[in-house]
């Protein structure tokens, strides 16, 4: 159950801290999936899903870029400008993929050095009250 509390007026105000919006009961499916409530780790899981989605989109984008650059390279013929442009696009696509993959490695290294847990940044746990 989630309670929304009024915070205006301060602790000396008679209405401070009272439940002004009522109680909200979570649907059974959400309560079963997150037994401690949505706030008990759901934000961290949401951020983890966003990070994984972004890296997946980067990989798919790189795949399409490589396909189009390969087609441009094959259809360039003997034109050196088109060949150089295709190689440039291939190189930039692979470099972008390396940067995206390297971000995971750097996050694990910084997580280990700063928090003593390599998954701390990639799988955040947001503490709740």
Protein backbone atom coordinates (compact mmCIF):
# COMPACT_ATOMS: atom_id res chain seq x y z
CA UNK A 1 0.00 0.00 0.00
CA UNK A 2 1.31 3.44 -0.91
CA UNK A 3 0.44 6.47 1.18
CA UNK A 4 0.73 10.01 -0.11
CA UNK A 5 1.52 12.42 2.69
CA UNK A 6 1.12 16.18 2.86
CA UNK A 7 4.39 17.93 3.66
CA UNK A 8 3.41 21.60 3.60
CA UNK A 9 3.26 23.61 6.75
CA UNK A 10 5.83 21.64 8.71
CA UNK A 11 5.47 19.33 11.72
CA UNK A 12 3.66 21.95 13.86
CA UNK A 13 0.82 22.16 11.32
CA UNK A 14 -2.09 19.92 12.46
CA UNK A 15 -2.54 18.57 8.92
CA UNK A 16 1.14 17.79 8.40
CA UNK A 17 1.93 14.16 7.68
CA UNK A 18 -1.70 13.13 7.30
CA UNK A 19 -2.80 11.02 4.41
CA UNK A 20 -4.55 13.60 2.18
CA UNK A 21 -4.93 11.56 -1.03
CA UNK A 22 -6.00 8.26 0.49
CA UNK A 23 -4.40 4.85 0.22
CA UNK A 24 -3.55 3.26 -3.08
CA UNK A 25 -3.53 -0.51 -3.19
CA UNK A 26 -1.23 -2.02 -5.77
CA UNK A 27 -2.61 -4.54 -8.26
CA UNK A 28 -2.03 -8.16 -7.22
CA UNK A 29 0.36 -8.78 -10.15
CA UNK A 30 2.66 -5.94 -9.13
CA UNK A 31 2.45 -6.87 -5.44
CA UNK A 32 3.40 -10.46 -6.32
CA UNK A 33 6.33 -9.36 -8.48
CA UNK A 34 7.62 -6.78 -5.96
CA UNK A 35 6.66 -8.09 -2.49
CA UNK A 36 8.13 -5.10 -0.64
CA UNK A 37 6.31 -2.64 -2.88
CA UNK A 38 7.21 -0.95 -6.12
CA UNK A 39 9.79 1.25 -4.45
CA UNK A 40 11.82 -1.72 -3.21
CA UNK A 41 14.17 -2.00 -6.15
CA UNK A 42 11.81 -1.22 -9.00
CA UNK A 43 13.60 2.02 -9.84
CA UNK A 44 16.90 0.19 -10.10
CA UNK A 45 15.33 -2.51 -12.25
CA UNK A 46 13.77 0.18 -14.45
CA UNK A 47 17.15 1.89 -14.90
CA UNK A 48 18.72 -1.48 -15.69
CA UNK A 49 16.09 -2.12 -18.38
CA UNK A 50 16.75 1.32 -19.88
CA UNK A 51 20.52 0.69 -19.97
CA UNK A 52 20.08 -2.72 -21.59
CA UNK A 53 17.59 -1.32 -24.10
CA UNK A 54 19.98 1.46 -25.09
CA UNK A 55 22.87 -0.95 -25.63
CA UNK A 56 20.59 -3.23 -27.69
CA UNK A 57 19.47 -0.29 -29.82
CA UNK A 58 23.13 0.69 -30.30
CA UNK A 59 23.94 -2.85 -31.46
CA UNK A 60 21.02 -2.98 -33.91
CA UNK A 61 21.92 0.48 -35.24
CA UNK A 62 25.51 -0.66 -35.75
CA UNK A 63 24.33 -3.77 -37.58
CA UNK A 64 22.23 -1.74 -40.02
CA UNK A 65 25.04 0.78 -40.47
CA UNK A 66 27.47 -2.03 -41.30
CA UNK A 67 25.02 -3.56 -43.78
CA UNK A 68 24.46 -0.23 -45.56
CA UNK A 69 28.18 0.59 -45.51
CA UNK A 70 28.98 -2.84 -46.95
CA UNK A 71 26.45 -2.29 -49.70
CA UNK A 72 27.93 1.16 -50.41
CA UNK A 73 31.40 -0.40 -50.52
CA UNK A 74 30.30 -3.10 -52.98
CA UNK A 75 28.49 -0.63 -55.20
CA UNK A 76 31.32 1.95 -55.15
CA UNK A 77 33.04 0.47 -58.17
CA UNK A 78 36.33 2.22 -58.87
CA UNK A 79 35.36 5.58 -57.36
CA UNK A 80 37.92 6.28 -54.59
CA UNK A 81 35.67 8.84 -52.85
CA UNK A 82 32.83 6.34 -52.48
CA UNK A 83 35.22 3.63 -51.26
CA UNK A 84 36.72 6.04 -48.70
CA UNK A 85 33.22 7.06 -47.55
CA UNK A 86 32.17 3.43 -47.14
CA UNK A 87 35.33 2.56 -45.18
CA UNK A 88 34.77 5.62 -43.03
CA UNK A 89 31.20 4.52 -42.24
CA UNK A 90 32.37 0.97 -41.44
CA UNK A 91 35.13 2.29 -39.17
CA UNK A 92 32.81 4.71 -37.36
CA UNK A 93 30.19 2.00 -36.83
CA UNK A 94 32.71 -0.41 -35.32
CA UNK A 95 34.22 2.34 -33.19
CA UNK A 96 30.77 3.30 -31.88
CA UNK A 97 30.03 -0.32 -31.01
CA UNK A 98 33.38 -0.57 -29.21
CA UNK A 99 32.57 2.57 -27.19
CA UNK A 100 29.13 1.21 -26.25
CA UNK A 101 30.60 -2.13 -25.19
CA UNK A 102 33.48 -0.40 -23.43
CA UNK A 103 31.00 1.56 -21.34
CA UNK A 104 29.99 -1.71 -19.65
CA UNK A 105 33.61 -2.55 -18.93
CA UNK A 106 34.28 0.92 -17.50
CA UNK A 107 31.11 0.77 -15.40
CA UNK A 108 32.25 -2.57 -13.96
CA UNK A 109 35.75 -1.25 -13.25
CA UNK A 110 34.46 1.92 -11.56
CA UNK A 111 31.86 -0.08 -9.66
CA UNK A 112 34.59 -2.38 -8.34
CA UNK A 113 36.95 0.47 -7.45
CA UNK A 114 34.42 2.79 -5.83
CA UNK A 115 31.70 0.50 -4.44
CA UNK A 116 33.49 -2.88 -4.19
CA UNK A 117 30.83 -4.41 -6.46
CA UNK A 118 31.30 -4.61 -10.25
CA UNK A 119 27.55 -4.74 -10.87
CA UNK A 120 26.73 -1.74 -8.68
CA UNK A 121 26.42 0.77 -11.54
CA UNK A 122 24.86 -1.62 -14.05
CA UNK A 123 22.33 -3.05 -11.59
CA UNK A 124 21.53 -0.14 -9.26
CA UNK A 125 19.76 -0.72 -5.98
CA UNK A 126 17.89 2.38 -4.85
CA UNK A 127 17.42 2.39 -1.06
CA UNK A 128 13.94 3.22 0.20
CA UNK A 129 12.47 4.28 3.51
